[in-house]
Amino acid sequence: MVAHERERWERTRTLFGLLIERRPAERMALLADEPDEHIRRDVASLLEASADDTFLSEVNRPPLSLDAMDPLVGASIGGYTLVRR
């Protein structure tokens, strides 16, 4: 990564960190003050992604038990029900 790219990434990261703490209306006003179009676009994209309710939902979901993944658990065989394998 060249120095210019590193500086732009640092500015993007810093600006995103500042704006994510603000209300949406404030974010856009402050973002408009950023002179670099690339940084504005990148930060806007990050803010949009973070506003999505499903953002990181895979990370926050509890892990499934092995029994829950087994299609036979819960199946009935005659008068019996398979509770676990």
C-alpha atoms as a PDB file:
ATOM      1  CA  MET A   1       0.000   0.000   0.000  1.00  0.00           C
ATOM      2  CA  VAL A   2       1.477   3.320  -1.026  1.00  0.00           C
ATOM      3  CA  ALA A   3       1.528   6.301   1.313  1.00  0.00           C
ATOM      4  CA  HIS A   4      -1.351   8.074  -0.448  1.00  0.00           C
ATOM      5  CA  GLU A   5      -3.609   5.009  -0.196  1.00  0.00           C
ATOM      6  CA  ARG A   6      -2.673   4.515   3.442  1.00  0.00           C
ATOM      7  CA  GLU A   7      -3.514   8.138   4.243  1.00  0.00           C
ATOM      8  CA  ARG A   8      -6.846   7.849   2.425  1.00  0.00           C
ATOM      9  CA  TRP A   9      -7.690   4.622   4.286  1.00  0.00           C
ATOM     10  CA  GLU A  10      -6.795   6.226   7.639  1.00  0.00           C
ATOM     11  CA  ARG A  11      -8.991   9.236   6.832  1.00  0.00           C
ATOM     12  CA  THR A  12     -11.849   6.934   5.740  1.00  0.00           C
ATOM     13  CA  ARG A  13     -11.583   4.878   8.910  1.00  0.00           C
ATOM     14  CA  THR A  14     -11.395   7.945  11.149  1.00  0.00           C
ATOM     15  CA  LEU A  15     -14.306   9.694   9.465  1.00  0.00           C
ATOM     16  CA  PHE A  16     -16.463   6.554   9.584  1.00  0.00           C
ATOM     17  CA  GLY A  17     -15.694   6.160  13.287  1.00  0.00           C
ATOM     18  CA  LEU A  18     -16.769   9.736  13.962  1.00  0.00           C
ATOM     19  CA  LEU A  19     -19.917   9.603  11.846  1.00  0.00           C
ATOM     20  CA  ILE A  20     -21.215   6.230  13.010  1.00  0.00           C
ATOM     21  CA  GLU A  21     -21.767   7.784  16.444  1.00  0.00           C
ATOM     22  CA  ARG A  22     -23.973  10.557  14.997  1.00  0.00           C
ATOM     23  CA  ARG A  23     -27.621  10.645  13.959  1.00  0.00           C
ATOM     24  CA  PRO A  24     -28.225  10.013  10.234  1.00  0.00           C
ATOM     25  CA  ALA A  25     -29.092  13.652   9.468  1.00  0.00           C
ATOM     26  CA  GLU A  26     -25.871  14.856  11.094  1.00  0.00           C
ATOM     27  CA  ARG A  27     -23.837  12.219   9.290  1.00  0.00           C
ATOM     28  CA  MET A  28     -24.745  13.426   5.826  1.00  0.00           C
ATOM     29  CA  ALA A  29     -24.088  17.069   6.679  1.00  0.00           C
ATOM     30  CA  LEU A  30     -20.656  16.270   8.109  1.00  0.00           C
ATOM     31  CA  LEU A  31     -19.839  13.870   5.293  1.00  0.00           C
ATOM     32  CA  ALA A  32     -20.566  16.607   2.737  1.00  0.00           C
ATOM     33  CA  ASP A  33     -17.707  18.627   4.262  1.00  0.00           C
ATOM     34  CA  GLU A  34     -15.147  15.966   3.251  1.00  0.00           C
ATOM     35  CA  PRO A  35     -13.270  17.329   0.208  1.00  0.00           C
ATOM     36  CA  ASP A  36     -12.149  13.929  -1.166  1.00  0.00           C
ATOM     37  CA  GLU A  37     -14.896  12.371  -3.286  1.00  0.00           C
ATOM     38  CA  HIS A  38     -13.456   8.849  -2.921  1.00  0.00           C
ATOM     39  CA  ILE A  39     -13.470   9.107   0.862  1.00  0.00           C
ATOM     40  CA  ARG A  40     -17.034  10.473   0.853  1.00  0.00           C
ATOM     41  CA  ARG A  41     -18.194   7.597  -1.332  1.00  0.00           C
ATOM     42  CA  ASP A  42     -16.399   4.936   0.744  1.00  0.00           C
ATOM     43  CA  VAL A  43     -17.661   6.300   4.060  1.00  0.00           C
ATOM     44  CA  ALA A  44     -21.214   6.619   2.708  1.00  0.00           C
ATOM     45  CA  SER A  45     -21.047   2.996   1.592  1.00  0.00           C
ATOM     46  CA  LEU A  46     -19.823   1.861   5.018  1.00  0.00           C
ATOM     47  CA  LEU A  47     -22.550   3.860   6.753  1.00  0.00           C
ATOM     48  CA  GLU A  48     -25.199   2.379   4.487  1.00  0.00           C
ATOM     49  CA  ALA A  49     -23.976  -1.155   5.152  1.00  0.00           C
ATOM     50  CA  SER A  50     -23.899  -0.594   8.903  1.00  0.00           C
ATOM     51  CA  ALA A  51     -27.494   0.709   8.892  1.00  0.00           C
ATOM     52  CA  ASP A  52     -28.765  -2.602   7.519  1.00  0.00           C
ATOM     53  CA  ASP A  53     -30.399  -4.684  10.264  1.00  0.00           C
ATOM     54  CA  THR A  54     -28.796  -7.830   8.881  1.00  0.00           C
ATOM     55  CA  PHE A  55     -25.292  -6.364   9.072  1.00  0.00           C
ATOM     56  CA  LEU A  56     -23.169  -8.920  10.940  1.00  0.00           C
ATOM     57  CA  SER A  57     -26.262 -10.984  11.760  1.00  0.00           C
ATOM     58  CA  GLU A  58     -24.351 -14.171  10.956  1.00  0.00           C
ATOM     59  CA  VAL A  59     -21.783 -13.288  13.612  1.00  0.00           C
ATOM     60  CA  ASN A  60     -24.376 -12.550  16.282  1.00  0.00           C
ATOM     61  CA  ARG A  61     -26.462 -15.687  15.769  1.00  0.00           C
ATOM     62  CA  PRO A  62     -25.858 -18.442  18.345  1.00  0.00           C
ATOM     63  CA  PRO A  63     -24.340 -21.641  16.956  1.00  0.00           C
ATOM     64  CA  LEU A  64     -26.651 -24.517  16.105  1.00  0.00           C
ATOM     65  CA  SER A  65     -26.413 -27.692  18.104  1.00  0.00           C
ATOM     66  CA  LEU A  66     -25.435 -30.849  16.250  1.00  0.00           C
ATOM     67  CA  ASP A  67     -28.867 -32.317  16.971  1.00  0.00           C
ATOM     68  CA  ALA A  68     -30.557 -29.368  15.296  1.00  0.00           C
ATOM     69  CA  MET A  69     -28.595 -30.064  12.107  1.00  0.00           C
ATOM     70  CA  ASP A  70     -29.481 -33.774  12.047  1.00  0.00           C
ATOM     71  CA  PRO A  71     -32.560 -34.354   9.874  1.00  0.00           C
ATOM     72  CA  LEU A  72     -33.471 -37.549  11.779  1.00  0.00           C
ATOM     73  CA  VAL A  73     -33.739 -35.868  15.185  1.00  0.00           C
ATOM     74  CA  GLY A  74     -37.433 -35.407  15.856  1.00  0.00           C
ATOM     75  CA  ALA A  75     -38.445 -38.090  13.364  1.00  0.00           C
ATOM     76  CA  SER A  76     -40.978 -40.698  14.442  1.00  0.00           C
ATOM     77  CA  ILE A  77     -40.272 -44.387  13.939  1.00  0.00           C
ATOM     78  CA  GLY A  78     -43.313 -46.410  14.877  1.00  0.00           C
ATOM     79  CA  GLY A  79     -44.313 -45.212  18.314  1.00  0.00           C
ATOM     80  CA  TYR A  80     -40.892 -43.764  19.046  1.00  0.00           C
ATOM     81  CA  THR A  81     -39.428 -40.316  18.395  1.00  0.00           C
ATOM     82  CA  LEU A  82     -35.704 -39.865  17.890  1.00  0.00           C
ATOM     83  CA  VAL A  83     -34.610 -37.277  20.470  1.00  0.00           C
ATOM     84  CA  ARG A  84     -30.889 -37.359  19.791  1.00  0.00           C
ATOM     85  CA  ARG A  85     -28.484 -39.442  17.826  1.00  0.00           C
END
